[in-house]
Amino acid sequence: MMKKLLFIFNLILLLCISCKQKEFDLADLRFPIDKKQLNMLGVETAPYKTYLENETVKFISDSSSVMRFGGIVLAGNLNRYNNNIYLSNTVRFLEDRTDKTIQAYEVAIKTSEETEQLENYFDKQFGKTDFYYKDADVSCRVWEKEGILYFLGINFDVYNPDQIKKHLRTALLFVVNKNSHTLINDEAPDGHYFRFYHYYLEAKEKPEYKTLTYRQYMGLKRSQDQSEGVETIYAEHYIKQ
């Protein structure tokens, strides 16, 4: 009788542990990302040929089991009647060609509701950052946390004539291992104000800039431009927090 009760207790304990297991969450991933873990979620990571020299290998998914960040379900589609992946919110896992491991992922959000949820999450959980630019059309922010760089770009008013709700908010989140210089140089966002962050990373290769924060670097560049009598671009639309 005692053995039977012990067996039932252990079975209940195992079931409780199973029920409490956390769902897959992109925010919990650490680099390099285990391909087997992605395979279990239905993400295909088999090798394939690329047709451009030094093209980055990418593995894509729009599954709700994968599209989760910080507990927020980011899965969505611009058209509920069309499951085409080009209309879906997606995540792409990027392989660093130097060591063939996944060292970054990029989340593209096309739907306004999920964009707002993701932006609110970063506002609350990540807070202030030295790199923050914003104008009427777009905001660009970069955080560094535990050896990981987070690039978050928000487009405020994307016009889509094919949708009932024509004005959309969209997001691009690029998360990369700080040590993966290949992926940062080749794949990290560099449009809009993000180009300034690339200038900053290039400058940090020089000894005189190595220890500077972005705010310090921006202030220095602004002073240099003013002393040389040229137009300064680093301070325009910069948000001081």
Protein backbone atom coordinates (compact mmCIF):
# COMPACT_ATOMS: atom_id res chain seq x y z
CA MET A 1 0.00 0.00 0.00
CA MET A 2 2.82 2.36 0.93
CA LYS A 3 4.63 1.68 -2.36
CA LYS A 4 1.44 2.37 -4.29
CA LEU A 5 0.94 5.71 -2.52
CA LEU A 6 4.57 6.65 -3.14
CA PHE A 7 4.17 5.81 -6.84
CA ILE A 8 1.04 7.98 -7.11
CA PHE A 9 2.78 10.85 -5.29
CA ASN A 10 5.79 10.73 -7.64
CA LEU A 11 3.48 10.61 -10.65
CA ILE A 12 1.58 13.70 -9.48
CA LEU A 13 4.88 15.48 -8.79
CA LEU A 14 6.11 14.75 -12.33
CA LEU A 15 2.85 15.99 -13.79
CA CYS A 16 3.09 19.21 -11.77
CA ILE A 17 6.65 19.81 -12.91
CA SER A 18 5.61 19.19 -16.52
CA CYS A 19 2.72 21.66 -16.21
CA LYS A 20 5.02 24.34 -14.80
CA GLN A 21 7.60 24.10 -17.57
CA LYS A 22 7.99 27.47 -19.24
CA GLU A 23 6.86 27.97 -22.79
CA PHE A 24 9.49 28.77 -25.39
CA ASP A 25 10.38 32.46 -25.27
CA LEU A 26 12.81 34.32 -27.53
CA ALA A 27 13.75 36.64 -24.67
CA ASP A 28 15.15 33.69 -22.71
CA LEU A 29 17.50 32.52 -25.47
CA ARG A 30 21.24 32.82 -25.08
CA PHE A 31 23.77 32.53 -27.88
CA PRO A 32 24.66 30.35 -29.61
CA ILE A 33 21.09 29.14 -30.03
CA ASP A 34 20.64 25.36 -29.96
CA LYS A 35 19.33 24.21 -33.36
CA LYS A 36 17.82 21.08 -31.82
CA GLN A 37 15.62 23.24 -29.61
CA LEU A 38 14.38 25.08 -32.71
CA ASN A 39 13.81 21.79 -34.53
CA MET A 40 11.56 20.61 -31.71
CA LEU A 41 9.44 23.72 -32.34
CA GLY A 42 9.18 22.99 -36.04
CA VAL A 43 11.88 25.37 -37.26
CA GLU A 44 13.84 23.73 -40.07
CA THR A 45 17.60 24.30 -39.68
CA ALA A 46 18.95 21.87 -42.26
CA PRO A 47 21.88 23.17 -44.31
CA TYR A 48 21.00 24.69 -47.67
CA LYS A 49 22.84 26.33 -50.53
CA THR A 50 23.00 30.07 -50.83
CA TYR A 51 23.46 31.68 -54.21
CA LEU A 52 25.36 34.81 -53.22
CA GLU A 53 28.92 34.83 -51.99
CA ASN A 54 29.07 35.14 -48.18
CA GLU A 55 25.27 35.21 -47.93
CA THR A 56 24.01 34.73 -44.37
CA VAL A 57 22.08 31.50 -43.81
CA LYS A 58 18.67 32.21 -42.22
CA PHE A 59 15.95 29.97 -40.82
CA ILE A 60 12.45 31.46 -40.75
CA SER A 61 9.24 30.80 -38.80
CA ASP A 62 5.88 32.48 -38.25
CA SER A 63 4.60 29.85 -35.81
CA SER A 64 2.86 31.03 -32.63
CA SER A 65 4.96 28.50 -30.69
CA VAL A 66 8.09 30.42 -31.69
CA MET A 67 6.78 33.99 -32.00
CA ARG A 68 6.90 34.88 -28.32
CA PHE A 69 9.05 37.52 -26.61
CA GLY A 70 8.88 38.36 -22.92
CA GLY A 71 5.61 36.46 -22.60
CA ILE A 72 4.04 38.44 -25.47
CA VAL A 73 2.65 36.41 -28.35
CA LEU A 74 3.88 38.22 -31.46
CA ALA A 75 2.32 35.91 -34.04
CA GLY A 76 -0.04 37.72 -36.38
CA ASN A 77 -1.00 38.33 -39.99
CA LEU A 78 -2.11 41.37 -41.96
CA ASN A 79 -4.83 39.32 -43.61
CA ARG A 80 -6.72 36.68 -41.63
CA TYR A 81 -7.90 35.06 -44.87
CA ASN A 82 -4.41 34.65 -46.31
CA ASN A 83 -1.76 32.60 -44.50
CA ASN A 84 1.03 33.66 -46.83
CA ILE A 85 4.20 34.06 -44.77
CA TYR A 86 4.93 37.39 -46.49
CA LEU A 87 1.89 38.82 -44.67
CA SER A 88 2.84 37.26 -41.35
CA ASN A 89 4.90 38.42 -38.42
CA THR A 90 8.08 36.35 -38.60
CA VAL A 91 11.33 35.52 -36.87
CA ARG A 92 14.52 34.68 -38.73
CA PHE A 93 17.41 32.93 -36.99
CA LEU A 94 20.78 33.91 -38.45
CA GLU A 95 23.85 31.71 -38.70
CA ASP A 96 27.28 33.24 -38.26
CA ARG A 97 29.26 31.96 -41.20
CA THR A 98 32.52 31.96 -39.24
CA ASP A 99 31.48 29.22 -36.80
CA LYS A 100 28.17 27.98 -38.32
CA THR A 101 26.21 28.64 -35.12
CA ILE A 102 23.06 30.73 -34.70
CA GLN A 103 24.20 33.99 -33.10
CA ALA A 104 21.29 36.34 -33.89
CA TYR A 105 17.59 36.51 -34.65
CA GLU A 106 15.41 39.15 -36.29
CA VAL A 107 11.72 39.64 -35.54
CA ALA A 108 9.65 41.51 -38.15
CA ILE A 109 6.24 42.69 -36.92
CA LYS A 110 3.75 43.92 -39.51
CA THR A 111 0.71 44.30 -37.20
CA SER A 112 0.03 47.35 -35.03
CA GLU A 113 -1.23 45.60 -31.88
CA GLU A 114 1.81 43.34 -31.54
CA THR A 115 4.11 46.27 -32.35
CA GLU A 116 2.66 48.31 -29.49
CA GLN A 117 2.93 45.37 -27.08
CA LEU A 118 6.58 44.81 -27.98
CA GLU A 119 7.43 48.50 -27.66
CA ASN A 120 5.70 48.69 -24.26
CA TYR A 121 7.66 45.65 -23.08
CA PHE A 122 10.98 47.31 -23.89
CA ASP A 123 9.87 50.57 -22.29
CA LYS A 124 9.08 48.78 -19.03
CA GLN A 125 11.70 46.03 -18.91
CA PHE A 126 14.72 47.62 -20.61
CA GLY A 127 14.14 51.27 -19.76
CA LYS A 128 16.53 54.06 -20.69
CA THR A 129 19.30 53.70 -23.23
CA ASP A 130 22.07 55.95 -24.52
CA PHE A 131 21.15 55.31 -28.14
CA TYR A 132 17.67 56.68 -28.85
CA TYR A 133 16.56 58.64 -31.91
CA LYS A 134 13.00 59.58 -32.76
CA ASP A 135 11.12 61.71 -35.26
CA ALA A 136 7.60 61.84 -36.70
CA ASP A 137 8.06 58.62 -38.68
CA VAL A 138 10.37 56.31 -36.79
CA SER A 139 12.19 55.58 -33.54
CA CYS A 140 15.48 53.69 -33.25
CA ARG A 141 16.90 52.37 -30.01
CA VAL A 142 19.75 50.04 -29.05
CA TRP A 143 20.32 48.39 -25.68
CA GLU A 144 23.25 46.27 -24.53
CA LYS A 145 22.47 43.70 -21.86
CA GLU A 146 24.47 40.68 -20.70
CA GLY A 147 26.62 40.61 -23.84
CA ILE A 148 23.63 40.91 -26.18
CA LEU A 149 22.70 43.87 -28.42
CA TYR A 150 19.02 44.65 -28.96
CA PHE A 151 18.12 46.87 -31.93
CA LEU A 152 14.48 48.03 -31.85
CA GLY A 153 13.03 50.08 -34.69
CA ILE A 154 9.42 51.29 -34.74
CA ASN A 155 7.73 52.76 -37.82
CA PHE A 156 4.83 54.92 -36.66
CA ASP A 157 2.71 55.32 -39.78
CA VAL A 158 3.10 52.74 -42.54
CA TYR A 159 0.46 53.17 -45.24
CA ASN A 160 -0.95 49.95 -46.69
CA PRO A 161 -3.67 50.54 -49.33
CA ASP A 162 -4.64 46.85 -49.38
CA GLN A 163 -5.77 46.77 -45.75
CA ILE A 164 -8.95 48.05 -44.09
CA LYS A 165 -6.83 49.72 -41.44
CA LYS A 166 -4.49 51.54 -43.79
CA HIS A 167 -2.18 53.21 -41.29
CA LEU A 168 -0.08 50.71 -39.36
CA ARG A 169 2.66 50.65 -36.74
CA THR A 170 5.38 48.11 -37.51
CA ALA A 171 8.46 46.91 -35.65
CA LEU A 172 11.84 45.37 -36.33
CA LEU A 173 13.73 43.72 -33.48
CA PHE A 174 17.27 42.50 -34.13
CA VAL A 175 18.98 40.60 -31.31
CA VAL A 176 22.61 39.56 -31.69
CA ASN A 177 25.56 38.25 -29.72
CA LYS A 178 27.83 41.24 -29.10
CA ASN A 179 30.84 39.13 -30.13
CA SER A 180 29.39 38.18 -33.52
CA HIS A 181 31.06 40.97 -35.51
CA THR A 182 30.20 39.34 -38.82
CA LEU A 183 26.45 39.41 -38.20
CA ILE A 184 26.56 42.89 -36.65
CA ASN A 185 28.40 44.27 -39.68
CA ASP A 186 26.38 42.40 -42.30
CA GLU A 187 22.89 42.04 -40.87
CA ALA A 188 22.20 44.52 -38.05
CA PRO A 189 19.83 47.35 -39.08
CA ASP A 190 21.68 50.30 -40.58
CA GLY A 191 18.87 52.36 -42.09
CA HIS A 192 17.43 55.54 -40.59
CA TYR A 193 19.27 56.52 -37.38
CA PHE A 194 20.74 53.06 -36.83
CA ARG A 195 23.60 54.10 -39.11
CA PHE A 196 24.90 56.27 -36.27
CA TYR A 197 25.27 53.20 -34.09
CA HIS A 198 27.34 51.51 -36.78
CA TYR A 199 29.57 54.61 -36.93
CA TYR A 200 29.94 54.34 -33.17
CA LEU A 201 30.91 50.66 -33.28
CA GLU A 202 33.48 51.41 -35.98
CA ALA A 203 34.90 54.24 -33.90
CA LYS A 204 35.23 51.99 -30.84
CA GLU A 205 37.84 49.99 -32.71
CA LYS A 206 40.16 52.96 -32.15
CA PRO A 207 41.89 53.23 -28.75
CA GLU A 208 40.70 56.80 -28.11
CA TYR A 209 37.03 55.80 -28.41
CA LYS A 210 37.16 52.33 -26.89
CA THR A 211 35.64 53.17 -23.49
CA LEU A 212 33.13 55.79 -24.63
CA THR A 213 29.39 55.33 -24.24
CA TYR A 214 27.29 56.32 -27.23
CA ARG A 215 26.20 59.53 -25.52
CA GLN A 216 29.82 60.51 -24.87
CA TYR A 217 30.77 59.65 -28.44
CA MET A 218 27.84 61.66 -29.84
CA GLY A 219 28.76 64.68 -27.72
CA LEU A 220 32.37 64.47 -28.87
CA LYS A 221 31.41 64.25 -32.55
CA ARG A 222 29.03 67.16 -32.15
CA SER A 223 31.78 69.31 -30.61
CA GLN A 224 34.22 68.34 -33.37
CA ASP A 225 31.71 69.20 -36.10
CA GLN A 226 30.92 72.57 -34.54
CA SER A 227 34.60 73.45 -34.13
CA GLU A 228 35.17 72.61 -37.80
CA GLY A 229 32.17 74.66 -38.85
CA VAL A 230 30.33 71.75 -40.47
CA GLU A 231 26.72 70.69 -40.01
CA THR A 232 26.33 68.25 -37.12
CA ILE A 233 23.92 65.35 -37.61
CA TYR A 234 24.51 63.35 -34.44
CA ALA A 235 22.37 65.52 -32.15
CA GLU A 236 19.40 66.01 -34.48
CA HIS A 237 16.38 64.01 -33.22
CA TYR A 238 18.51 62.55 -30.40
CA ILE A 239 16.47 61.79 -27.26
CA LYS A 240 18.17 62.52 -23.95
CA GLN A 241 16.80 60.31 -21.20
